[in-house]
Amino acid sequence: MYKILLVEDNEMNRDMLSRRLIRKGYEVIMATDGQQGVEAARTEAPALILMDMSLPVMDGWQATRLLKASPETQGIPIIALTAHAMASDREMAFEAGCDDFDTKPVDWNRLLEKIQTFLK
């Protein structure tokens, strides 16, 4: 069973995504801000991270940069989740170190396909 870290401050999004991931057989760890996300990635060693980019305390951009700069977490794939769908937002996500990018509202089938691709 793969462990996925879901870093999302919106309770509705967190609830919807976590329930769907659990139904697909994934173990889900949750964090509600970027700092918690970085700490959870270090302690839980997830197989993949779903990172909201607009987070309190520490945003997803900074959290991703920290995770990708650390030898213990740099190999964990990170999929950026954001309501910002501009091409520049996509570029910023990749520059921060994200391995993929998906927009909100989440298209569940498309996101699941991306998750499965990284976890093969």
PDB file of N, CA and C in Angstrom:
ATOM      1  N   MET A   1       0.854  -1.183   0.000  1.00  0.00           N
ATOM      2  CA  MET A   1       0.000   0.000   0.000  1.00  0.00           C
ATOM      3  C   MET A   1       0.896   1.241   0.000  1.00  0.00           C
ATOM      4  N   TYR A   2       0.639   2.116  -0.935  1.00  0.00           N
ATOM      5  CA  TYR A   2       1.404   3.360  -1.015  1.00  0.00           C
ATOM      6  C   TYR A   2       0.853   4.401  -0.056  1.00  0.00           C
ATOM      7  N   LYS A   3       1.767   5.180   0.510  1.00  0.00           N
ATOM      8  CA  LYS A   3       1.409   6.253   1.422  1.00  0.00           C
ATOM      9  C   LYS A   3       1.483   7.571   0.660  1.00  0.00           C
ATOM     10  N   ILE A   4       0.387   8.345   0.706  1.00  0.00           N
ATOM     11  CA  ILE A   4       0.328   9.645   0.045  1.00  0.00           C
ATOM     12  C   ILE A   4       0.133  10.731   1.094  1.00  0.00           C
ATOM     13  N   LEU A   5       0.952  11.770   0.990  1.00  0.00           N
ATOM     14  CA  LEU A   5       0.809  12.939   1.857  1.00  0.00           C
ATOM     15  C   LEU A   5      -0.024  13.975   1.124  1.00  0.00           C
ATOM     16  N   LEU A   6      -1.142  14.355   1.694  1.00  0.00           N
ATOM     17  CA  LEU A   6      -2.034  15.363   1.139  1.00  0.00           C
ATOM     18  C   LEU A   6      -1.868  16.645   1.954  1.00  0.00           C
ATOM     19  N   VAL A   7      -1.309  17.673   1.324  1.00  0.00           N
ATOM     20  CA  VAL A   7      -1.098  18.957   1.995  1.00  0.00           C
ATOM     21  C   VAL A   7      -2.134  19.922   1.432  1.00  0.00           C
ATOM     22  N   GLU A   8      -3.180  20.163   2.204  1.00  0.00           N
ATOM     23  CA  GLU A   8      -4.341  20.934   1.739  1.00  0.00           C
ATOM     24  C   GLU A   8      -4.989  21.625   2.923  1.00  0.00           C
ATOM     25  N   ASP A   9      -5.175  22.935   2.838  1.00  0.00           N
ATOM     26  CA  ASP A   9      -5.771  23.667   3.950  1.00  0.00           C
ATOM     27  C   ASP A   9      -7.291  23.714   3.889  1.00  0.00           C
ATOM     28  N   ASN A  10      -7.882  23.483   2.726  1.00  0.00           N
ATOM     29  CA  ASN A  10      -9.335  23.538   2.583  1.00  0.00           C
ATOM     30  C   ASN A  10      -9.940  22.209   3.037  1.00  0.00           C
ATOM     31  N   GLU A  11     -10.758  22.276   4.083  1.00  0.00           N
ATOM     32  CA  GLU A  11     -11.313  21.059   4.675  1.00  0.00           C
ATOM     33  C   GLU A  11     -12.144  20.238   3.692  1.00  0.00           C
ATOM     34  N   MET A  12     -12.949  20.898   2.859  1.00  0.00           N
ATOM     35  CA  MET A  12     -13.768  20.176   1.883  1.00  0.00           C
ATOM     36  C   MET A  12     -12.897  19.421   0.876  1.00  0.00           C
ATOM     37  N   ASN A  13     -11.874  20.103   0.350  1.00  0.00           N
ATOM     38  CA  ASN A  13     -10.969  19.455  -0.603  1.00  0.00           C
ATOM     39  C   ASN A  13     -10.213  18.306   0.047  1.00  0.00           C
ATOM     40  N   ARG A  14      -9.751  18.526   1.269  1.00  0.00           N
ATOM     41  CA  ARG A  14      -9.006  17.506   2.004  1.00  0.00           C
ATOM     42  C   ARG A  14      -9.880  16.276   2.224  1.00  0.00           C
ATOM     43  N   ASP A  15     -11.127  16.495   2.634  1.00  0.00           N
ATOM     44  CA  ASP A  15     -12.045  15.401   2.901  1.00  0.00           C
ATOM     45  C   ASP A  15     -12.354  14.618   1.623  1.00  0.00           C
ATOM     46  N   MET A  16     -12.669  15.334   0.550  1.00  0.00           N
ATOM     47  CA  MET A  16     -13.022  14.682  -0.717  1.00  0.00           C
ATOM     48  C   MET A  16     -11.848  13.871  -1.265  1.00  0.00           C
ATOM     49  N   LEU A  17     -10.671  14.484  -1.312  1.00  0.00           N
ATOM     50  CA  LEU A  17      -9.511  13.784  -1.870  1.00  0.00           C
ATOM     51  C   LEU A  17      -9.079  12.611  -0.993  1.00  0.00           C
ATOM     52  N   SER A  18      -9.055  12.806   0.312  1.00  0.00           N
ATOM     53  CA  SER A  18      -8.611  11.719   1.189  1.00  0.00           C
ATOM     54  C   SER A  18      -9.555  10.524   1.100  1.00  0.00           C
ATOM     55  N   ARG A  19     -10.862  10.766   1.081  1.00  0.00           N
ATOM     56  CA  ARG A  19     -11.814   9.648   0.980  1.00  0.00           C
ATOM     57  C   ARG A  19     -11.628   8.877  -0.323  1.00  0.00           C
ATOM     58  N   ARG A  20     -11.438   9.593  -1.412  1.00  0.00           N
ATOM     59  CA  ARG A  20     -11.253   8.934  -2.716  1.00  0.00           C
ATOM     60  C   ARG A  20      -9.940   8.154  -2.772  1.00  0.00           C
ATOM     61  N   LEU A  21      -8.899   8.719  -2.210  1.00  0.00           N
ATOM     62  CA  LEU A  21      -7.612   8.018  -2.192  1.00  0.00           C
ATOM     63  C   LEU A  21      -7.687   6.753  -1.344  1.00  0.00           C
ATOM     64  N   ILE A  22      -8.322   6.842  -0.184  1.00  0.00           N
ATOM     65  CA  ILE A  22      -8.471   5.685   0.696  1.00  0.00           C
ATOM     66  C   ILE A  22      -9.281   4.589  -0.005  1.00  0.00           C
ATOM     67  N   ARG A  23     -10.351   4.977  -0.706  1.00  0.00           N
ATOM     68  CA  ARG A  23     -11.153   3.998  -1.455  1.00  0.00           C
ATOM     69  C   ARG A  23     -10.332   3.284  -2.523  1.00  0.00           C
ATOM     70  N   LYS A  24      -9.307   3.969  -3.046  1.00  0.00           N
ATOM     71  CA  LYS A  24      -8.438   3.366  -4.064  1.00  0.00           C
ATOM     72  C   LYS A  24      -7.310   2.540  -3.434  1.00  0.00           C
ATOM     73  N   GLY A  25      -7.296   2.485  -2.111  1.00  0.00           N
ATOM     74  CA  GLY A  25      -6.327   1.631  -1.436  1.00  0.00           C
ATOM     75  C   GLY A  25      -5.066   2.317  -0.953  1.00  0.00           C
ATOM     76  N   TYR A  26      -5.027   3.640  -1.018  1.00  0.00           N
ATOM     77  CA  TYR A  26      -3.849   4.371  -0.543  1.00  0.00           C
ATOM     78  C   TYR A  26      -3.988   4.705   0.935  1.00  0.00           C
ATOM     79  N   GLU A  27      -2.850   4.751   1.619  1.00  0.00           N
ATOM     80  CA  GLU A  27      -2.815   5.262   2.979  1.00  0.00           C
ATOM     81  C   GLU A  27      -2.616   6.770   2.840  1.00  0.00           C
ATOM     82  N   VAL A  28      -3.394   7.561   3.565  1.00  0.00           N
ATOM     83  CA  VAL A  28      -3.328   9.014   3.419  1.00  0.00           C
ATOM     84  C   VAL A  28      -2.920   9.668   4.731  1.00  0.00           C
ATOM     85  N   ILE A  29      -1.899  10.516   4.627  1.00  0.00           N
ATOM     86  CA  ILE A  29      -1.463  11.364   5.736  1.00  0.00           C
ATOM     87  C   ILE A  29      -1.841  12.771   5.331  1.00  0.00           C
ATOM     88  N   MET A  30      -2.307  13.577   6.270  1.00  0.00           N
ATOM     89  CA  MET A  30      -2.745  14.926   5.920  1.00  0.00           C
ATOM     90  C   MET A  30      -2.002  15.992   6.701  1.00  0.00           C
ATOM     91  N   ALA A  31      -1.809  17.121   6.024  1.00  0.00           N
ATOM     92  CA  ALA A  31      -1.234  18.311   6.644  1.00  0.00           C
ATOM     93  C   ALA A  31      -2.049  19.495   6.152  1.00  0.00           C
ATOM     94  N   THR A  32      -2.195  20.508   7.002  1.00  0.00           N
ATOM     95  CA  THR A  32      -3.044  21.650   6.646  1.00  0.00           C
ATOM     96  C   THR A  32      -2.274  22.923   6.310  1.00  0.00           C
ATOM     97  N   ASP A  33      -0.945  22.863   6.407  1.00  0.00           N
ATOM     98  CA  ASP A  33      -0.137  24.004   5.969  1.00  0.00           C
ATOM     99  C   ASP A  33       1.210  23.480   5.480  1.00  0.00           C
ATOM    100  N   GLY A  34       1.977  24.346   4.846  1.00  0.00           N
ATOM    101  CA  GLY A  34       3.239  23.929   4.262  1.00  0.00           C
ATOM    102  C   GLY A  34       4.256  23.432   5.271  1.00  0.00           C
ATOM    103  N   GLN A  35       4.315  24.074   6.433  1.00  0.00           N
ATOM    104  CA  GLN A  35       5.266  23.645   7.469  1.00  0.00           C
ATOM    105  C   GLN A  35       4.931  22.239   7.953  1.00  0.00           C
ATOM    106  N   GLN A  36       3.657  21.973   8.212  1.00  0.00           N
ATOM    107  CA  GLN A  36       3.239  20.619   8.608  1.00  0.00           C
ATOM    108  C   GLN A  36       3.561  19.618   7.504  1.00  0.00           C
ATOM    109  N   GLY A  37       3.374  20.051   6.259  1.00  0.00           N
ATOM    110  CA  GLY A  37       3.655  19.182   5.113  1.00  0.00           C
ATOM    111  C   GLY A  37       5.116  18.775   5.054  1.00  0.00           C
ATOM    112  N   VAL A  38       6.003  19.732   5.246  1.00  0.00           N
ATOM    113  CA  VAL A  38       7.442  19.452   5.239  1.00  0.00           C
ATOM    114  C   VAL A  38       7.788  18.487   6.374  1.00  0.00           C
ATOM    115  N   GLU A  39       7.259  18.741   7.562  1.00  0.00           N
ATOM    116  CA  GLU A  39       7.531  17.874   8.712  1.00  0.00           C
ATOM    117  C   GLU A  39       6.988  16.464   8.485  1.00  0.00           C
ATOM    118  N   ALA A  40       5.766  16.367   7.940  1.00  0.00           N
ATOM    119  CA  ALA A  40       5.168  15.050   7.686  1.00  0.00           C
ATOM    120  C   ALA A  40       5.946  14.285   6.621  1.00  0.00           C
ATOM    121  N   ALA A  41       6.428  14.991   5.605  1.00  0.00           N
ATOM    122  CA  ALA A  41       7.217  14.326   4.560  1.00  0.00           C
ATOM    123  C   ALA A  41       8.495  13.742   5.154  1.00  0.00           C
ATOM    124  N   ARG A  42       9.091  14.460   6.074  1.00  0.00           N
ATOM    125  CA  ARG A  42      10.341  14.000   6.696  1.00  0.00           C
ATOM    126  C   ARG A  42      10.115  12.828   7.640  1.00  0.00           C
ATOM    127  N   THR A  43       9.020  12.840   8.377  1.00  0.00           N
ATOM    128  CA  THR A  43       8.788  11.784   9.365  1.00  0.00           C
ATOM    129  C   THR A  43       8.054  10.575   8.797  1.00  0.00           C
ATOM    130  N   GLU A  44       7.198  10.780   7.814  1.00  0.00           N
ATOM    131  CA  GLU A  44       6.353   9.698   7.301  1.00  0.00           C
ATOM    132  C   GLU A  44       6.882   9.040   6.027  1.00  0.00           C
ATOM    133  N   ALA A  45       7.810   9.689   5.328  1.00  0.00           N
ATOM    134  CA  ALA A  45       8.382   9.171   4.071  1.00  0.00           C
ATOM    135  C   ALA A  45       7.302   8.669   3.099  1.00  0.00           C
ATOM    136  N   PRO A  46       6.402   9.564   2.659  1.00  0.00           N
ATOM    137  CA  PRO A  46       5.361   9.133   1.728  1.00  0.00           C
ATOM    138  C   PRO A  46       5.931   8.772   0.354  1.00  0.00           C
ATOM    139  N   ALA A  47       5.169   8.012  -0.411  1.00  0.00           N
ATOM    140  CA  ALA A  47       5.582   7.647  -1.765  1.00  0.00           C
ATOM    141  C   ALA A  47       5.329   8.802  -2.731  1.00  0.00           C
ATOM    142  N   LEU A  48       4.397   9.706  -2.363  1.00  0.00           N
ATOM    143  CA  LEU A  48       4.006  10.820  -3.228  1.00  0.00           C
ATOM    144  C   LEU A  48       3.373  11.908  -2.376  1.00  0.00           C
ATOM    145  N   ILE A  49       3.492  13.154  -2.838  1.00  0.00           N
ATOM    146  CA  ILE A  49       2.884  14.289  -2.133  1.00  0.00           C
ATOM    147  C   ILE A  49       1.964  15.038  -3.082  1.00  0.00           C
ATOM    148  N   LEU A  50       0.752  15.307  -2.619  1.00  0.00           N
ATOM    149  CA  LEU A  50      -0.171  16.208  -3.318  1.00  0.00           C
ATOM    150  C   LEU A  50      -0.099  17.524  -2.556  1.00  0.00           C
ATOM    151  N   MET A  51       0.410  18.566  -3.211  1.00  0.00           N
ATOM    152  CA  MET A  51       0.714  19.827  -2.540  1.00  0.00           C
ATOM    153  C   MET A  51      -0.138  20.970  -3.067  1.00  0.00           C
ATOM    154  N   ASP A  52      -1.039  21.459  -2.216  1.00  0.00           N
ATOM    155  CA  ASP A  52      -1.744  22.702  -2.540  1.00  0.00           C
ATOM    156  C   ASP A  52      -0.684  23.797  -2.531  1.00  0.00           C
ATOM    157  N   MET A  53      -0.783  24.760  -3.406  1.00  0.00           N
ATOM    158  CA  MET A  53       0.240  25.793  -3.468  1.00  0.00           C
ATOM    159  C   MET A  53      -0.116  27.023  -2.633  1.00  0.00           C
ATOM    160  N   SER A  54      -1.389  27.256  -2.387  1.00  0.00           N
ATOM    161  CA  SER A  54      -1.829  28.404  -1.576  1.00  0.00           C
ATOM    162  C   SER A  54      -2.141  27.926  -0.174  1.00  0.00           C
ATOM    163  N   LEU A  55      -1.130  27.936   0.678  1.00  0.00           N
ATOM    164  CA  LEU A  55      -1.262  27.404   2.035  1.00  0.00           C
ATOM    165  C   LEU A  55      -0.884  28.452   3.065  1.00  0.00           C
ATOM    166  N   PRO A  56      -1.445  28.334   4.284  1.00  0.00           N
ATOM    167  CA  PRO A  56      -1.018  29.233   5.365  1.00  0.00           C
ATOM    168  C   PRO A  56       0.330  28.793   5.931  1.00  0.00           C
ATOM    169  N   VAL A  57       0.905  29.611   6.777  1.00  0.00           N
ATOM    170  CA  VAL A  57       2.170  29.408   7.483  1.00  0.00           C
ATOM    171  C   VAL A  57       3.346  29.394   6.506  1.00  0.00           C
ATOM    172  N   MET A  58       3.378  28.399   5.614  1.00  0.00           N
ATOM    173  CA  MET A  58       4.383  28.307   4.562  1.00  0.00           C
ATOM    174  C   MET A  58       3.658  27.846   3.306  1.00  0.00           C
ATOM    175  N   ASP A  59       3.783  28.604   2.215  1.00  0.00           N
ATOM    176  CA  ASP A  59       3.050  28.217   1.008  1.00  0.00           C
ATOM    177  C   ASP A  59       3.666  26.975   0.355  1.00  0.00           C
ATOM    178  N   GLY A  60       2.941  26.422  -0.586  1.00  0.00           N
ATOM    179  CA  GLY A  60       3.365  25.203  -1.266  1.00  0.00           C
ATOM    180  C   GLY A  60       4.631  25.375  -2.082  1.00  0.00           C
ATOM    181  N   TRP A  61       4.859  26.578  -2.587  1.00  0.00           N
ATOM    182  CA  TRP A  61       6.076  26.846  -3.368  1.00  0.00           C
ATOM    183  C   TRP A  61       7.304  26.656  -2.476  1.00  0.00           C
ATOM    184  N   GLN A  62       7.286  27.306  -1.302  1.00  0.00           N
ATOM    185  CA  GLN A  62       8.412  27.222  -0.381  1.00  0.00           C
ATOM    186  C   GLN A  62       8.569  25.815   0.187  1.00  0.00           C
ATOM    187  N   ALA A  63       7.459  25.185   0.532  1.00  0.00           N
ATOM    188  CA  ALA A  63       7.514  23.822   1.063  1.00  0.00           C
ATOM    189  C   ALA A  63       8.147  22.877   0.039  1.00  0.00           C
ATOM    190  N   THR A  64       7.762  23.025  -1.224  1.00  0.00           N
ATOM    191  CA  THR A  64       8.322  22.182  -2.279  1.00  0.00           C
ATOM    192  C   THR A  64       9.823  22.427  -2.424  1.00  0.00           C
ATOM    193  N   ARG A  65      10.227  23.698  -2.417  1.00  0.00           N
ATOM    194  CA  ARG A  65      11.661  24.014  -2.526  1.00  0.00           C
ATOM    195  C   ARG A  65      12.460  23.354  -1.395  1.00  0.00           C
ATOM    196  N   LEU A  66      11.934  23.425  -0.174  1.00  0.00           N
ATOM    197  CA  LEU A  66      12.617  22.810   0.971  1.00  0.00           C
ATOM    198  C   LEU A  66      12.705  21.294   0.815  1.00  0.00           C
ATOM    199  N   LEU A  67      11.608  20.674   0.391  1.00  0.00           N
ATOM    200  CA  LEU A  67      11.591  19.217   0.231  1.00  0.00           C
ATOM    201  C   LEU A  67      12.542  18.763  -0.862  1.00  0.00           C
ATOM    202  N   LYS A  68      12.594  19.505  -1.958  1.00  0.00           N
ATOM    203  CA  LYS A  68      13.464  19.120  -3.075  1.00  0.00           C
ATOM    204  C   LYS A  68      14.938  19.433  -2.791  1.00  0.00           C
ATOM    205  N   ALA A  69      15.205  20.312  -1.832  1.00  0.00           N
ATOM    206  CA  ALA A  69      16.582  20.648  -1.467  1.00  0.00           C
ATOM    207  C   ALA A  69      17.167  19.673  -0.442  1.00  0.00           C
ATOM    208  N   SER A  70      16.319  18.881   0.178  1.00  0.00           N
ATOM    209  CA  SER A  70      16.757  17.969   1.232  1.00  0.00           C
ATOM    210  C   SER A  70      16.998  16.564   0.668  1.00  0.00           C
ATOM    211  N   PRO A  71      18.179  15.991   0.910  1.00  0.00           N
ATOM    212  CA  PRO A  71      18.483  14.647   0.401  1.00  0.00           C
ATOM    213  C   PRO A  71      17.471  13.583   0.835  1.00  0.00           C
ATOM    214  N   GLU A  72      16.888  13.736   2.028  1.00  0.00           N
ATOM    215  CA  GLU A  72      15.959  12.715   2.527  1.00  0.00           C
ATOM    216  C   GLU A  72      14.584  12.772   1.859  1.00  0.00           C
ATOM    217  N   THR A  73      14.225  13.909   1.246  1.00  0.00           N
ATOM    218  CA  THR A  73      12.889  14.025   0.642  1.00  0.00           C
ATOM    219  C   THR A  73      12.917  14.392  -0.842  1.00  0.00           C
ATOM    220  N   GLN A  74      14.081  14.673  -1.405  1.00  0.00           N
ATOM    221  CA  GLN A  74      14.132  15.169  -2.777  1.00  0.00           C
ATOM    222  C   GLN A  74      13.606  14.187  -3.818  1.00  0.00           C
ATOM    223  N   GLY A  75      13.612  12.894  -3.516  1.00  0.00           N
ATOM    224  CA  GLY A  75      13.137  11.901  -4.473  1.00  0.00           C
ATOM    225  C   GLY A  75      11.638  11.657  -4.451  1.00  0.00           C
ATOM    226  N   ILE A  76      10.930  12.274  -3.519  1.00  0.00           N
ATOM    227  CA  ILE A  76       9.477  12.067  -3.425  1.00  0.00           C
ATOM    228  C   ILE A  76       8.790  12.904  -4.513  1.00  0.00           C
ATOM    229  N   PRO A  77       8.009  12.265  -5.397  1.00  0.00           N
ATOM    230  CA  PRO A  77       7.293  13.048  -6.409  1.00  0.00           C
ATOM    231  C   PRO A  77       6.264  13.972  -5.748  1.00  0.00           C
ATOM    232  N   ILE A  78       6.196  15.198  -6.256  1.00  0.00           N
ATOM    233  CA  ILE A  78       5.229  16.182  -5.752  1.00  0.00           C
ATOM    234  C   ILE A  78       4.354  16.642  -6.903  1.00  0.00           C
ATOM    235  N   ILE A  79       3.047  16.504  -6.727  1.00  0.00           N
ATOM    236  CA  ILE A  79       2.079  17.020  -7.702  1.00  0.00           C
ATOM    237  C   ILE A  79       1.470  18.277  -7.100  1.00  0.00           C
ATOM    238  N   ALA A  80       1.671  19.397  -7.783  1.00  0.00           N
ATOM    239  CA  ALA A  80       1.094  20.673  -7.345  1.00  0.00           C
ATOM    240  C   ALA A  80      -0.397  20.669  -7.625  1.00  0.00           C
ATOM    241  N   LEU A  81      -1.179  21.142  -6.667  1.00  0.00           N
ATOM    242  CA  LEU A  81      -2.619  21.329  -6.855  1.00  0.00           C
ATOM    243  C   LEU A  81      -2.916  22.804  -6.631  1.00  0.00           C
ATOM    244  N   THR A  82      -3.497  23.442  -7.632  1.00  0.00           N
ATOM    245  CA  THR A  82      -3.770  24.870  -7.477  1.00  0.00           C
ATOM    246  C   THR A  82      -4.964  25.307  -8.309  1.00  0.00           C
ATOM    247  N   ALA A  83      -5.641  26.321  -7.811  1.00  0.00           N
ATOM    248  CA  ALA A  83      -6.753  26.918  -8.558  1.00  0.00           C
ATOM    249  C   ALA A  83      -6.218  27.890  -9.605  1.00  0.00           C
ATOM    250  N   HIS A  84      -4.936  28.208  -9.523  1.00  0.00           N
ATOM    251  CA  HIS A  84      -4.312  29.119 -10.481  1.00  0.00           C
ATOM    252  C   HIS A  84      -3.907  28.321 -11.716  1.00  0.00           C
ATOM    253  N   ALA A  85      -4.591  28.544 -12.818  1.00  0.00           N
ATOM    254  CA  ALA A  85      -4.391  27.721 -14.005  1.00  0.00           C
ATOM    255  C   ALA A  85      -3.635  28.428 -15.127  1.00  0.00           C
ATOM    256  N   MET A  86      -2.984  29.526 -14.816  1.00  0.00           N
ATOM    257  CA  MET A  86      -2.229  30.248 -15.834  1.00  0.00           C
ATOM    258  C   MET A  86      -0.948  29.469 -16.178  1.00  0.00           C
ATOM    259  N   ALA A  87      -0.449  29.669 -17.383  1.00  0.00           N
ATOM    260  CA  ALA A  87       0.795  29.006 -17.794  1.00  0.00           C
ATOM    261  C   ALA A  87       1.937  29.381 -16.863  1.00  0.00           C
ATOM    262  N   SER A  88       1.941  30.623 -16.379  1.00  0.00           N
ATOM    263  CA  SER A  88       3.013  31.063 -15.483  1.00  0.00           C
ATOM    264  C   SER A  88       2.954  30.310 -14.148  1.00  0.00           C
ATOM    265  N   ASP A  89       1.757  29.950 -13.691  1.00  0.00           N
ATOM    266  CA  ASP A  89       1.621  29.187 -12.441  1.00  0.00           C
ATOM    267  C   ASP A  89       2.203  27.790 -12.622  1.00  0.00           C
ATOM    268  N   ARG A  90       1.959  27.212 -13.777  1.00  0.00           N
ATOM    269  CA  ARG A  90       2.508  25.893 -14.096  1.00  0.00           C
ATOM    270  C   ARG A  90       4.041  25.969 -14.100  1.00  0.00           C
ATOM    271  N   GLU A  91       4.580  26.982 -14.747  1.00  0.00           N
ATOM    272  CA  GLU A  91       6.032  27.161 -14.797  1.00  0.00           C
ATOM    273  C   GLU A  91       6.605  27.352 -13.393  1.00  0.00           C
ATOM    274  N   MET A  92       5.925  28.162 -12.572  1.00  0.00           N
ATOM    275  CA  MET A  92       6.388  28.390 -11.197  1.00  0.00           C
ATOM    276  C   MET A  92       6.424  27.083 -10.405  1.00  0.00           C
ATOM    277  N   ALA A  93       5.420  26.226 -10.619  1.00  0.00           N
ATOM    278  CA  ALA A  93       5.369  24.947  -9.912  1.00  0.00           C
ATOM    279  C   ALA A  93       6.568  24.084 -10.289  1.00  0.00           C
ATOM    280  N   PHE A  94       6.872  24.027 -11.576  1.00  0.00           N
ATOM    281  CA  PHE A  94       8.014  23.227 -12.017  1.00  0.00           C
ATOM    282  C   PHE A  94       9.332  23.840 -11.548  1.00  0.00           C
ATOM    283  N   GLU A  95       9.430  25.157 -11.551  1.00  0.00           N
ATOM    284  CA  GLU A  95      10.641  25.831 -11.061  1.00  0.00           C
ATOM    285  C   GLU A  95      10.864  25.570  -9.569  1.00  0.00           C
ATOM    286  N   ALA A  96       9.766  25.468  -8.820  1.00  0.00           N
ATOM    287  CA  ALA A  96       9.873  25.180  -7.382  1.00  0.00           C
ATOM    288  C   ALA A  96      10.315  23.746  -7.127  1.00  0.00           C
ATOM    289  N   GLY A  97      10.139  22.880  -8.141  1.00  0.00           N
ATOM    290  CA  GLY A  97      10.560  21.489  -8.001  1.00  0.00           C
ATOM    291  C   GLY A  97       9.449  20.471  -8.116  1.00  0.00           C
ATOM    292  N   CYS A  98       8.215  20.923  -8.382  1.00  0.00           N
ATOM    293  CA  CYS A  98       7.110  19.972  -8.530  1.00  0.00           C
ATOM    294  C   CYS A  98       7.364  19.069  -9.742  1.00  0.00           C
ATOM    295  N   ASP A  99       6.923  17.834  -9.624  1.00  0.00           N
ATOM    296  CA  ASP A  99       7.107  16.863 -10.696  1.00  0.00           C
ATOM    297  C   ASP A  99       5.935  16.871 -11.672  1.00  0.00           C
ATOM    298  N   ASP A 100       4.790  17.385 -11.235  1.00  0.00           N
ATOM    299  CA  ASP A 100       3.615  17.526 -12.099  1.00  0.00           C
ATOM    300  C   ASP A 100       2.730  18.604 -11.507  1.00  0.00           C
ATOM    301  N   PHE A 101       1.653  18.883 -12.205  1.00  0.00           N
ATOM    302  CA  PHE A 101       0.802  20.028 -11.903  1.00  0.00           C
ATOM    303  C   PHE A 101      -0.630  19.648 -12.244  1.00  0.00           C
ATOM    304  N   ASP A 102      -1.566  19.980 -11.383  1.00  0.00           N
ATOM    305  CA  ASP A 102      -2.978  19.758 -11.689  1.00  0.00           C
ATOM    306  C   ASP A 102      -3.783  20.925 -11.122  1.00  0.00           C
ATOM    307  N   THR A 103      -4.866  21.227 -11.792  1.00  0.00           N
ATOM    308  CA  THR A 103      -5.670  22.379 -11.404  1.00  0.00           C
ATOM    309  C   THR A 103      -6.885  21.974 -10.580  1.00  0.00           C
ATOM    310  N   LYS A 104      -7.370  22.931  -9.808  1.00  0.00           N
ATOM    311  CA  LYS A 104      -8.621  22.796  -9.061  1.00  0.00           C
ATOM    312  C   LYS A 104      -9.687  23.581  -9.815  1.00  0.00           C
ATOM    313  N   PRO A 105     -10.926  23.154  -9.779  1.00  0.00           N
ATOM    314  CA  PRO A 105     -11.362  21.939  -9.099  1.00  0.00           C
ATOM    315  C   PRO A 105     -10.709  20.707  -9.725  1.00  0.00           C
ATOM    316  N   VAL A 106     -10.431  19.734  -8.879  1.00  0.00           N
ATOM    317  CA  VAL A 106      -9.709  18.532  -9.288  1.00  0.00           C
ATOM    318  C   VAL A 106     -10.568  17.666 -10.195  1.00  0.00           C
ATOM    319  N   ASP A 107      -9.982  17.262 -11.319  1.00  0.00           N
ATOM    320  CA  ASP A 107     -10.577  16.240 -12.177  1.00  0.00           C
ATOM    321  C   ASP A 107     -10.027  14.922 -11.631  1.00  0.00           C
ATOM    322  N   TRP A 108     -10.850  14.198 -10.875  1.00  0.00           N
ATOM    323  CA  TRP A 108     -10.389  13.025 -10.143  1.00  0.00           C
ATOM    324  C   TRP A 108      -9.714  11.992 -11.044  1.00  0.00           C
ATOM    325  N   ASN A 109     -10.305  11.677 -12.179  1.00  0.00           N
ATOM    326  CA  ASN A 109      -9.731  10.652 -13.056  1.00  0.00           C
ATOM    327  C   ASN A 109      -8.366  11.070 -13.591  1.00  0.00           C
ATOM    328  N   ARG A 110      -8.231  12.330 -13.961  1.00  0.00           N
ATOM    329  CA  ARG A 110      -6.950  12.821 -14.468  1.00  0.00           C
ATOM    330  C   ARG A 110      -5.886  12.785 -13.358  1.00  0.00           C
ATOM    331  N   LEU A 111      -6.266  13.234 -12.146  1.00  0.00           N
ATOM    332  CA  LEU A 111      -5.328  13.226 -11.031  1.00  0.00           C
ATOM    333  C   LEU A 111      -4.926  11.807 -10.666  1.00  0.00           C
ATOM    334  N   LEU A 112      -5.879  10.898 -10.629  1.00  0.00           N
ATOM    335  CA  LEU A 112      -5.594   9.504 -10.296  1.00  0.00           C
ATOM    336  C   LEU A 112      -4.619   8.897 -11.305  1.00  0.00           C
ATOM    337  N   GLU A 113      -4.795   9.229 -12.555  1.00  0.00           N
ATOM    338  CA  GLU A 113      -3.886   8.745 -13.603  1.00  0.00           C
ATOM    339  C   GLU A 113      -2.457   9.244 -13.347  1.00  0.00           C
ATOM    340  N   LYS A 114      -2.330  10.501 -12.969  1.00  0.00           N
ATOM    341  CA  LYS A 114      -1.007  11.064 -12.675  1.00  0.00           C
ATOM    342  C   LYS A 114      -0.388  10.373 -11.465  1.00  0.00           C
ATOM    343  N   ILE A 115      -1.179  10.163 -10.436  1.00  0.00           N
ATOM    344  CA  ILE A 115      -0.694   9.485  -9.227  1.00  0.00           C
ATOM    345  C   ILE A 115      -0.191   8.093  -9.584  1.00  0.00           C
ATOM    346  N   GLN A 116      -0.998   7.347 -10.322  1.00  0.00           N
ATOM    347  CA  GLN A 116      -0.640   5.976 -10.677  1.00  0.00           C
ATOM    348  C   GLN A 116       0.612   5.932 -11.539  1.00  0.00           C
ATOM    349  N   THR A 117       0.800   6.915 -12.410  1.00  0.00           N
ATOM    350  CA  THR A 117       1.999   6.981 -13.243  1.00  0.00           C
ATOM    351  C   THR A 117       3.253   7.100 -12.382  1.00  0.00           C
ATOM    352  N   PHE A 118       3.213   7.963 -11.369  1.00  0.00           N
ATOM    353  CA  PHE A 118       4.372   8.158 -10.500  1.00  0.00           C
ATOM    354  C   PHE A 118       4.630   6.955  -9.601  1.00  0.00           C
ATOM    355  N   LEU A 119       3.589   6.219  -9.251  1.00  0.00           N
ATOM    356  CA  LEU A 119       3.749   5.125  -8.297  1.00  0.00           C
ATOM    357  C   LEU A 119       4.004   3.769  -8.959  1.00  0.00           C
ATOM    358  N   LYS A 120       4.160   3.745 -10.266  1.00  0.00           N
ATOM    359  CA  LYS A 120       4.451   2.476 -10.959  1.00  0.00           C
ATOM    360  C   LYS A 120       5.884   2.084 -10.766  1.00  0.00           C
TER     361      LYS A 120
END
